[in-house]
Amino acid sequence: GNPEFAVGAVDETGWKYLADYAREAGASPQYIERVAA
């Protein structure tokens, strides 16, 4: 719901960095996998 606010990032290999506040921001593991893909 907030496309300008990053809860993490993904690089070209598929490696993901997740911020420590990602869950608090509503980013579930399923959401992260879907958005990262």
PDB file of all heavy atoms in Angstrom:
ATOM      1  N   GLY A   1       0.782  -1.229   0.000  1.00  0.00           N
ATOM      2  CA  GLY A   1       0.000   0.000   0.000  1.00  0.00           C
ATOM      3  C   GLY A   1       0.811   1.275   0.000  1.00  0.00           C
ATOM      4  O   GLY A   1       0.244   2.370   0.016  1.00  0.00           O
ATOM      5  N   ASN A   2       2.157   1.156  -0.039  1.00  0.00           N
ATOM      6  CA  ASN A   2       3.005   2.350  -0.022  1.00  0.00           C
ATOM      7  C   ASN A   2       4.207   2.116  -0.933  1.00  0.00           C
ATOM      8  O   ASN A   2       5.292   1.752  -0.477  1.00  0.00           O
ATOM      9  CB  ASN A   2       3.472   2.660   1.406  1.00  0.00           C
ATOM     10  CG  ASN A   2       4.183   4.004   1.506  1.00  0.00           C
ATOM     11  OD1 ASN A   2       4.446   4.647   0.498  1.00  0.00           O
ATOM     12  ND2 ASN A   2       4.482   4.420   2.722  1.00  0.00           N
ATOM     13  N   PRO A   3       4.026   2.306  -2.234  1.00  0.00           N
ATOM     14  CA  PRO A   3       5.063   1.939  -3.207  1.00  0.00           C
ATOM     15  C   PRO A   3       6.348   2.733  -3.081  1.00  0.00           C
ATOM     16  O   PRO A   3       7.387   2.313  -3.589  1.00  0.00           O
ATOM     17  CB  PRO A   3       4.384   2.203  -4.562  1.00  0.00           C
ATOM     18  CG  PRO A   3       3.283   3.158  -4.265  1.00  0.00           C
ATOM     19  CD  PRO A   3       2.815   2.827  -2.893  1.00  0.00           C
ATOM     20  N   GLU A   4       6.339   3.880  -2.399  1.00  0.00           N
ATOM     21  CA  GLU A   4       7.544   4.693  -2.262  1.00  0.00           C
ATOM     22  C   GLU A   4       8.394   4.288  -1.068  1.00  0.00           C
ATOM     23  O   GLU A   4       9.542   4.718  -0.943  1.00  0.00           O
ATOM     24  CB  GLU A   4       7.167   6.171  -2.148  1.00  0.00           C
ATOM     25  CG  GLU A   4       6.495   6.733  -3.389  1.00  0.00           C
ATOM     26  CD  GLU A   4       7.342   6.548  -4.640  1.00  0.00           C
ATOM     27  OE1 GLU A   4       8.554   6.841  -4.582  1.00  0.00           O
ATOM     28  OE2 GLU A   4       6.802   6.082  -5.664  1.00  0.00           O
ATOM     29  N   PHE A   5       7.840   3.468  -0.176  1.00  0.00           N
ATOM     30  CA  PHE A   5       8.546   3.088   1.051  1.00  0.00           C
ATOM     31  C   PHE A   5       9.114   1.682   0.913  1.00  0.00           C
ATOM     32  O   PHE A   5       8.375   0.717   0.715  1.00  0.00           O
ATOM     33  CB  PHE A   5       7.598   3.165   2.253  1.00  0.00           C
ATOM     34  CG  PHE A   5       8.253   2.862   3.565  1.00  0.00           C
ATOM     35  CD1 PHE A   5       9.316   3.626   4.024  1.00  0.00           C
ATOM     36  CD2 PHE A   5       7.799   1.808   4.341  1.00  0.00           C
ATOM     37  CE1 PHE A   5       9.917   3.350   5.248  1.00  0.00           C
ATOM     38  CE2 PHE A   5       8.396   1.515   5.558  1.00  0.00           C
ATOM     39  CZ  PHE A   5       9.463   2.291   6.008  1.00  0.00           C
ATOM     40  N   ALA A   6      10.421   1.550   1.002  1.00  0.00           N
ATOM     41  CA  ALA A   6      11.066   0.250   0.806  1.00  0.00           C
ATOM     42  C   ALA A   6      11.120  -0.544   2.105  1.00  0.00           C
ATOM     43  O   ALA A   6      11.524  -0.023   3.149  1.00  0.00           O
ATOM     44  CB  ALA A   6      12.480   0.446   0.271  1.00  0.00           C
ATOM     45  N   VAL A   7      10.732  -1.802   2.007  1.00  0.00           N
ATOM     46  CA  VAL A   7      10.896  -2.717   3.144  1.00  0.00           C
ATOM     47  C   VAL A   7      12.045  -3.688   2.884  1.00  0.00           C
ATOM     48  O   VAL A   7      12.325  -4.575   3.681  1.00  0.00           O
ATOM     49  CB  VAL A   7       9.601  -3.499   3.437  1.00  0.00           C
ATOM     50  CG1 VAL A   7       8.504  -2.553   3.900  1.00  0.00           C
ATOM     51  CG2 VAL A   7       9.157  -4.320   2.225  1.00  0.00           C
ATOM     52  N   GLY A   8      12.699  -3.503   1.746  1.00  0.00           N
ATOM     53  CA  GLY A   8      13.822  -4.369   1.392  1.00  0.00           C
ATOM     54  C   GLY A   8      14.204  -4.117  -0.048  1.00  0.00           C
ATOM     55  O   GLY A   8      13.762  -3.149  -0.677  1.00  0.00           O
ATOM     56  N   ALA A   9      15.041  -4.999  -0.579  1.00  0.00           N
ATOM     57  CA  ALA A   9      15.478  -4.883  -1.972  1.00  0.00           C
ATOM     58  C   ALA A   9      15.943  -6.248  -2.456  1.00  0.00           C
ATOM     59  O   ALA A   9      16.259  -7.137  -1.658  1.00  0.00           O
ATOM     60  CB  ALA A   9      16.597  -3.852  -2.112  1.00  0.00           C
ATOM     61  N   VAL A  10      15.992  -6.388  -3.782  1.00  0.00           N
ATOM     62  CA  VAL A  10      16.449  -7.638  -4.387  1.00  0.00           C
ATOM     63  C   VAL A  10      17.518  -7.297  -5.416  1.00  0.00           C
ATOM     64  O   VAL A  10      17.447  -6.250  -6.084  1.00  0.00           O
ATOM     65  CB  VAL A  10      15.266  -8.406  -5.037  1.00  0.00           C
ATOM     66  CG1 VAL A  10      14.600  -7.588  -6.137  1.00  0.00           C
ATOM     67  CG2 VAL A  10      15.705  -9.774  -5.543  1.00  0.00           C
ATOM     68  N   ASP A  11      18.542  -8.152  -5.524  1.00  0.00           N
ATOM     69  CA  ASP A  11      19.570  -7.912  -6.537  1.00  0.00           C
ATOM     70  C   ASP A  11      19.378  -8.852  -7.717  1.00  0.00           C
ATOM     71  O   ASP A  11      18.432  -9.638  -7.761  1.00  0.00           O
ATOM     72  CB  ASP A  11      20.983  -7.988  -5.943  1.00  0.00           C
ATOM     73  CG  ASP A  11      21.437  -9.408  -5.605  1.00  0.00           C
ATOM     74  OD1 ASP A  11      20.748 -10.396  -5.972  1.00  0.00           O
ATOM     75  OD2 ASP A  11      22.495  -9.541  -4.965  1.00  0.00           O
ATOM     76  N   GLU A  12      20.298  -8.772  -8.666  1.00  0.00           N
ATOM     77  CA  GLU A  12      20.142  -9.490  -9.928  1.00  0.00           C
ATOM     78  C   GLU A  12      20.190 -11.004  -9.762  1.00  0.00           C
ATOM     79  O   GLU A  12      19.660 -11.745 -10.594  1.00  0.00           O
ATOM     80  CB  GLU A  12      21.241  -9.030 -10.889  1.00  0.00           C
ATOM     81  CG  GLU A  12      20.958  -9.274 -12.336  1.00  0.00           C
ATOM     82  CD  GLU A  12      21.848  -8.453 -13.245  1.00  0.00           C
ATOM     83  OE1 GLU A  12      22.653  -7.643 -12.733  1.00  0.00           O
ATOM     84  OE2 GLU A  12      21.732  -8.614 -14.470  1.00  0.00           O
ATOM     85  N   THR A  13      20.808 -11.488  -8.692  1.00  0.00           N
ATOM     86  CA  THR A  13      20.891 -12.926  -8.447  1.00  0.00           C
ATOM     87  C   THR A  13      19.654 -13.470  -7.742  1.00  0.00           C
ATOM     88  O   THR A  13      19.499 -14.682  -7.605  1.00  0.00           O
ATOM     89  CB  THR A  13      22.117 -13.265  -7.576  1.00  0.00           C
ATOM     90  OG1 THR A  13      21.912 -12.774  -6.246  1.00  0.00           O
ATOM     91  CG2 THR A  13      23.388 -12.668  -8.160  1.00  0.00           C
ATOM     92  N   GLY A  14      18.799 -12.550  -7.259  1.00  0.00           N
ATOM     93  CA  GLY A  14      17.640 -12.966  -6.484  1.00  0.00           C
ATOM     94  C   GLY A  14      17.854 -12.862  -4.987  1.00  0.00           C
ATOM     95  O   GLY A  14      16.928 -13.120  -4.206  1.00  0.00           O
ATOM     96  N   TRP A  15      19.067 -12.476  -4.564  1.00  0.00           N
ATOM     97  CA  TRP A  15      19.321 -12.278  -3.132  1.00  0.00           C
ATOM     98  C   TRP A  15      18.488 -11.121  -2.619  1.00  0.00           C
ATOM     99  O   TRP A  15      18.357 -10.095  -3.274  1.00  0.00           O
ATOM    100  CB  TRP A  15      20.799 -11.978  -2.901  1.00  0.00           C
ATOM    101  CG  TRP A  15      21.154 -11.737  -1.459  1.00  0.00           C
ATOM    102  CD1 TRP A  15      21.439 -12.674  -0.519  1.00  0.00           C
ATOM    103  CD2 TRP A  15      21.271 -10.462  -0.791  1.00  0.00           C
ATOM    104  NE1 TRP A  15      21.729 -12.073   0.691  1.00  0.00           N
ATOM    105  CE2 TRP A  15      21.629 -10.720   0.550  1.00  0.00           C
ATOM    106  CE3 TRP A  15      21.107  -9.141  -1.210  1.00  0.00           C
ATOM    107  CZ2 TRP A  15      21.822  -9.707   1.485  1.00  0.00           C
ATOM    108  CZ3 TRP A  15      21.289  -8.118  -0.288  1.00  0.00           C
ATOM    109  CH2 TRP A  15      21.646  -8.405   1.038  1.00  0.00           C
ATOM    110  N   LYS A  16      17.912 -11.282  -1.432  1.00  0.00           N
ATOM    111  CA  LYS A  16      17.021 -10.268  -0.879  1.00  0.00           C
ATOM    112  C   LYS A  16      17.561  -9.723   0.437  1.00  0.00           C
ATOM    113  O   LYS A  16      18.024 -10.478   1.292  1.00  0.00           O
ATOM    114  CB  LYS A  16      15.622 -10.853  -0.649  1.00  0.00           C
ATOM    115  CG  LYS A  16      14.895 -11.234  -1.929  1.00  0.00           C
ATOM    116  CD  LYS A  16      13.502 -11.753  -1.656  1.00  0.00           C
ATOM    117  CE  LYS A  16      13.497 -13.127  -1.022  1.00  0.00           C
ATOM    118  NZ  LYS A  16      14.004 -14.175  -1.928  1.00  0.00           N
ATOM    119  N   TYR A  17      17.477  -8.421   0.561  1.00  0.00           N
ATOM    120  CA  TYR A  17      17.705  -7.757   1.846  1.00  0.00           C
ATOM    121  C   TYR A  17      16.351  -7.334   2.378  1.00  0.00           C
ATOM    122  O   TYR A  17      15.544  -6.734   1.656  1.00  0.00           O
ATOM    123  CB  TYR A  17      18.594  -6.527   1.675  1.00  0.00           C
ATOM    124  CG  TYR A  17      18.501  -5.572   2.846  1.00  0.00           C
ATOM    125  CD1 TYR A  17      19.149  -5.858   4.042  1.00  0.00           C
ATOM    126  CD2 TYR A  17      17.748  -4.399   2.762  1.00  0.00           C
ATOM    127  CE1 TYR A  17      19.057  -4.997   5.131  1.00  0.00           C
ATOM    128  CE2 TYR A  17      17.646  -3.537   3.844  1.00  0.00           C
ATOM    129  CZ  TYR A  17      18.305  -3.842   5.016  1.00  0.00           C
ATOM    130  OH  TYR A  17      18.194  -2.988   6.097  1.00  0.00           O
ATOM    131  N   LEU A  18      16.082  -7.642   3.651  1.00  0.00           N
ATOM    132  CA  LEU A  18      14.835  -7.224   4.285  1.00  0.00           C
ATOM    133  C   LEU A  18      15.142  -6.322   5.466  1.00  0.00           C
ATOM    134  O   LEU A  18      15.984  -6.658   6.316  1.00  0.00           O
ATOM    135  CB  LEU A  18      14.033  -8.438   4.765  1.00  0.00           C
ATOM    136  CG  LEU A  18      13.436  -9.350   3.688  1.00  0.00           C
ATOM    137  CD1 LEU A  18      12.656 -10.474   4.333  1.00  0.00           C
ATOM    138  CD2 LEU A  18      12.535  -8.554   2.742  1.00  0.00           C
ATOM    139  N   ALA A  19      14.469  -5.194   5.525  1.00  0.00           N
ATOM    140  CA  ALA A  19      14.633  -4.286   6.652  1.00  0.00           C
ATOM    141  C   ALA A  19      14.032  -4.904   7.909  1.00  0.00           C
ATOM    142  O   ALA A  19      13.110  -5.736   7.841  1.00  0.00           O
ATOM    143  CB  ALA A  19      13.956  -2.957   6.341  1.00  0.00           C
ATOM    144  N   ASP A  20      14.528  -4.480   9.065  1.00  0.00           N
ATOM    145  CA  ASP A  20      14.042  -5.062  10.310  1.00  0.00           C
ATOM    146  C   ASP A  20      12.598  -4.674  10.624  1.00  0.00           C
ATOM    147  O   ASP A  20      11.964  -5.279  11.481  1.00  0.00           O
ATOM    148  CB  ASP A  20      14.958  -4.680  11.484  1.00  0.00           C
ATOM    149  CG  ASP A  20      15.222  -3.174  11.546  1.00  0.00           C
ATOM    150  OD1 ASP A  20      14.519  -2.411  10.858  1.00  0.00           O
ATOM    151  OD2 ASP A  20      16.135  -2.773  12.298  1.00  0.00           O
ATOM    152  N   TYR A  21      12.068  -3.694   9.896  1.00  0.00           N
ATOM    153  CA  TYR A  21      10.690  -3.261  10.113  1.00  0.00           C
ATOM    154  C   TYR A  21       9.736  -3.830   9.054  1.00  0.00           C
ATOM    155  O   TYR A  21       8.573  -3.425   8.989  1.00  0.00           O
ATOM    156  CB  TYR A  21      10.606  -1.733  10.096  1.00  0.00           C
ATOM    157  CG  TYR A  21      11.233  -1.102   8.877  1.00  0.00           C
ATOM    158  CD1 TYR A  21      10.571  -1.083   7.642  1.00  0.00           C
ATOM    159  CD2 TYR A  21      12.500  -0.538   8.948  1.00  0.00           C
ATOM    160  CE1 TYR A  21      11.159  -0.529   6.521  1.00  0.00           C
ATOM    161  CE2 TYR A  21      13.093   0.035   7.825  1.00  0.00           C
ATOM    162  CZ  TYR A  21      12.420   0.034   6.624  1.00  0.00           C
ATOM    163  OH  TYR A  21      13.006   0.583   5.514  1.00  0.00           O
ATOM    164  N   ALA A  22      10.203  -4.763   8.235  1.00  0.00           N
ATOM    165  CA  ALA A  22       9.387  -5.255   7.118  1.00  0.00           C
ATOM    166  C   ALA A  22       8.069  -5.865   7.600  1.00  0.00           C
ATOM    167  O   ALA A  22       6.996  -5.573   7.048  1.00  0.00           O
ATOM    168  CB  ALA A  22      10.183  -6.271   6.298  1.00  0.00           C
ATOM    169  N   ARG A  23       8.131  -6.695   8.627  1.00  0.00           N
ATOM    170  CA  ARG A  23       6.895  -7.332   9.121  1.00  0.00           C
ATOM    171  C   ARG A  23       5.947  -6.302   9.709  1.00  0.00           C
ATOM    172  O   ARG A  23       4.729  -6.359   9.502  1.00  0.00           O
ATOM    173  CB  ARG A  23       7.230  -8.401  10.158  1.00  0.00           C
ATOM    174  CG  ARG A  23       7.637  -9.735   9.552  1.00  0.00           C
ATOM    175  CD  ARG A  23       7.751 -10.808  10.639  1.00  0.00           C
ATOM    176  NE  ARG A  23       8.023 -12.109  10.075  1.00  0.00           N
ATOM    177  CZ  ARG A  23       7.097 -12.956   9.633  1.00  0.00           C
ATOM    178  NH1 ARG A  23       5.822 -12.618   9.674  1.00  0.00           N
ATOM    179  NH2 ARG A  23       7.436 -14.132   9.142  1.00  0.00           N
ATOM    180  N   GLU A  24       6.498  -5.341  10.442  1.00  0.00           N
ATOM    181  CA  GLU A  24       5.657  -4.294  11.035  1.00  0.00           C
ATOM    182  C   GLU A  24       4.947  -3.497   9.951  1.00  0.00           C
ATOM    183  O   GLU A  24       3.845  -2.978  10.170  1.00  0.00           O
ATOM    184  CB  GLU A  24       6.501  -3.350  11.894  1.00  0.00           C
ATOM    185  CG  GLU A  24       7.070  -4.001  13.141  1.00  0.00           C
ATOM    186  CD  GLU A  24       7.926  -3.033  13.931  1.00  0.00           C
ATOM    187  OE1 GLU A  24       7.820  -1.800  13.687  1.00  0.00           O
ATOM    188  OE2 GLU A  24       8.706  -3.493  14.771  1.00  0.00           O
ATOM    189  N   ALA A  25       5.578  -3.378   8.787  1.00  0.00           N
ATOM    190  CA  ALA A  25       4.981  -2.634   7.680  1.00  0.00           C
ATOM    191  C   ALA A  25       3.957  -3.471   6.914  1.00  0.00           C
ATOM    192  O   ALA A  25       3.392  -3.000   5.916  1.00  0.00           O
ATOM    193  CB  ALA A  25       6.067  -2.156   6.728  1.00  0.00           C
ATOM    194  N   GLY A  26       3.733  -4.706   7.354  1.00  0.00           N
ATOM    195  CA  GLY A  26       2.726  -5.556   6.734  1.00  0.00           C
ATOM    196  C   GLY A  26       3.239  -6.474   5.653  1.00  0.00           C
ATOM    197  O   GLY A  26       2.452  -7.084   4.923  1.00  0.00           O
ATOM    198  N   ALA A  27       4.561  -6.596   5.520  1.00  0.00           N
ATOM    199  CA  ALA A  27       5.150  -7.428   4.473  1.00  0.00           C
ATOM    200  C   ALA A  27       5.328  -8.860   4.973  1.00  0.00           C
ATOM    201  O   ALA A  27       6.307  -9.172   5.650  1.00  0.00           O
ATOM    202  CB  ALA A  27       6.489  -6.850   4.032  1.00  0.00           C
ATOM    203  N   SER A  28       4.395  -9.721   4.650  1.00  0.00           N
ATOM    204  CA  SER A  28       4.469 -11.132   5.036  1.00  0.00           C
ATOM    205  C   SER A  28       5.485 -11.846   4.147  1.00  0.00           C
ATOM    206  O   SER A  28       5.845 -11.348   3.076  1.00  0.00           O
ATOM    207  CB  SER A  28       3.102 -11.796   4.869  1.00  0.00           C
ATOM    208  OG  SER A  28       2.745 -11.848   3.490  1.00  0.00           O
ATOM    209  N   PRO A  29       5.959 -13.022   4.551  1.00  0.00           N
ATOM    210  CA  PRO A  29       6.868 -13.783   3.685  1.00  0.00           C
ATOM    211  C   PRO A  29       6.286 -14.038   2.295  1.00  0.00           C
ATOM    212  O   PRO A  29       7.000 -13.971   1.296  1.00  0.00           O
ATOM    213  CB  PRO A  29       7.084 -15.081   4.461  1.00  0.00           C
ATOM    214  CG  PRO A  29       6.882 -14.704   5.895  1.00  0.00           C
ATOM    215  CD  PRO A  29       5.790 -13.671   5.871  1.00  0.00           C
ATOM    216  N   GLN A  30       4.996 -14.320   2.233  1.00  0.00           N
ATOM    217  CA  GLN A  30       4.352 -14.579   0.949  1.00  0.00           C
ATOM    218  C   GLN A  30       4.353 -13.311   0.084  1.00  0.00           C
ATOM    219  O   GLN A  30       4.599 -13.366  -1.128  1.00  0.00           O
ATOM    220  CB  GLN A  30       2.913 -15.073   1.161  1.00  0.00           C
ATOM    221  CG  GLN A  30       2.799 -16.412   1.860  1.00  0.00           C
ATOM    222  CD  GLN A  30       2.971 -16.315   3.375  1.00  0.00           C
ATOM    223  OE1 GLN A  30       3.011 -15.228   3.946  1.00  0.00           O
ATOM    224  NE2 GLN A  30       3.082 -17.474   4.020  1.00  0.00           N
ATOM    225  N   TYR A  31       4.074 -12.184   0.725  1.00  0.00           N
ATOM    226  CA  TYR A  31       4.093 -10.905   0.001  1.00  0.00           C
ATOM    227  C   TYR A  31       5.495 -10.624  -0.536  1.00  0.00           C
ATOM    228  O   TYR A  31       5.659 -10.238  -1.700  1.00  0.00           O
ATOM    229  CB  TYR A  31       3.636  -9.784   0.934  1.00  0.00           C
ATOM    230  CG  TYR A  31       3.837  -8.403   0.359  1.00  0.00           C
ATOM    231  CD1 TYR A  31       2.875  -7.824  -0.465  1.00  0.00           C
ATOM    232  CD2 TYR A  31       4.995  -7.680   0.630  1.00  0.00           C
ATOM    233  CE1 TYR A  31       3.068  -6.551  -1.003  1.00  0.00           C
ATOM    234  CE2 TYR A  31       5.200  -6.410   0.091  1.00  0.00           C
ATOM    235  CZ  TYR A  31       4.232  -5.855  -0.724  1.00  0.00           C
ATOM    236  OH  TYR A  31       4.422  -4.617  -1.261  1.00  0.00           O
ATOM    237  N   ILE A  32       6.507 -10.826   0.295  1.00  0.00           N
ATOM    238  CA  ILE A  32       7.888 -10.567  -0.114  1.00  0.00           C
ATOM    239  C   ILE A  32       8.262 -11.422  -1.324  1.00  0.00           C
ATOM    240  O   ILE A  32       8.862 -10.933  -2.293  1.00  0.00           O
ATOM    241  CB  ILE A  32       8.864 -10.828   1.048  1.00  0.00           C
ATOM    242  CG1 ILE A  32       8.679  -9.776   2.148  1.00  0.00           C
ATOM    243  CG2 ILE A  32      10.313 -10.849   0.553  1.00  0.00           C
ATOM    244  CD1 ILE A  32       9.041  -8.373   1.743  1.00  0.00           C
ATOM    245  N   GLU A  33       7.936 -12.690  -1.291  1.00  0.00           N
ATOM    246  CA  GLU A  33       8.279 -13.579  -2.399  1.00  0.00           C
ATOM    247  C   GLU A  33       7.590 -13.142  -3.686  1.00  0.00           C
ATOM    248  O   GLU A  33       8.188 -13.144  -4.766  1.00  0.00           O
ATOM    249  CB  GLU A  33       7.905 -15.026  -2.063  1.00  0.00           C
ATOM    250  CG  GLU A  33       8.774 -15.660  -0.992  1.00  0.00           C
ATOM    251  CD  GLU A  33      10.254 -15.631  -1.361  1.00  0.00           C
ATOM    252  OE1 GLU A  33      10.591 -15.924  -2.531  1.00  0.00           O
ATOM    253  OE2 GLU A  33      11.075 -15.311  -0.474  1.00  0.00           O
ATOM    254  N   ARG A  34       6.330 -12.746  -3.574  1.00  0.00           N
ATOM    255  CA  ARG A  34       5.578 -12.331  -4.763  1.00  0.00           C
ATOM    256  C   ARG A  34       6.143 -11.036  -5.354  1.00  0.00           C
ATOM    257  O   ARG A  34       6.371 -10.942  -6.565  1.00  0.00           O
ATOM    258  CB  ARG A  34       4.105 -12.141  -4.386  1.00  0.00           C
ATOM    259  CG  ARG A  34       3.205 -11.788  -5.572  1.00  0.00           C
ATOM    260  CD  ARG A  34       1.743 -11.777  -5.185  1.00  0.00           C
ATOM    261  NE  ARG A  34       1.399 -10.679  -4.298  1.00  0.00           N
ATOM    262  CZ  ARG A  34       1.143 -10.796  -3.006  1.00  0.00           C
ATOM    263  NH1 ARG A  34       1.209 -11.992  -2.419  1.00  0.00           N
ATOM    264  NH2 ARG A  34       0.825  -9.746  -2.272  1.00  0.00           N
ATOM    265  N   VAL A  35       6.404 -10.066  -4.495  1.00  0.00           N
ATOM    266  CA  VAL A  35       6.915  -8.780  -4.977  1.00  0.00           C
ATOM    267  C   VAL A  35       8.342  -8.932  -5.493  1.00  0.00           C
ATOM    268  O   VAL A  35       8.703  -8.353  -6.526  1.00  0.00           O
ATOM    269  CB  VAL A  35       6.843  -7.722  -3.853  1.00  0.00           C
ATOM    270  CG1 VAL A  35       7.547  -6.438  -4.271  1.00  0.00           C
ATOM    271  CG2 VAL A  35       5.396  -7.428  -3.506  1.00  0.00           C
ATOM    272  N   ALA A  36       9.148  -9.727  -4.808  1.00  0.00           N
ATOM    273  CA  ALA A  36      10.531  -9.930  -5.247  1.00  0.00           C
ATOM    274  C   ALA A  36      10.580 -10.576  -6.627  1.00  0.00           C
ATOM    275  O   ALA A  36      11.421 -10.207  -7.467  1.00  0.00           O
ATOM    276  CB  ALA A  36      11.293 -10.784  -4.234  1.00  0.00           C
ATOM    277  N   ALA A  37       9.691 -11.516  -6.891  1.00  0.00           N
ATOM    278  CA  ALA A  37       9.657 -12.167  -8.204  1.00  0.00           C
ATOM    279  C   ALA A  37       9.314 -11.158  -9.294  1.00  0.00           C
ATOM    280  O   ALA A  37       9.910 -11.157 -10.386  1.00  0.00           O
ATOM    281  CB  ALA A  37       8.643 -13.310  -8.197  1.00  0.00           C
TER     282      ALA A  37
END
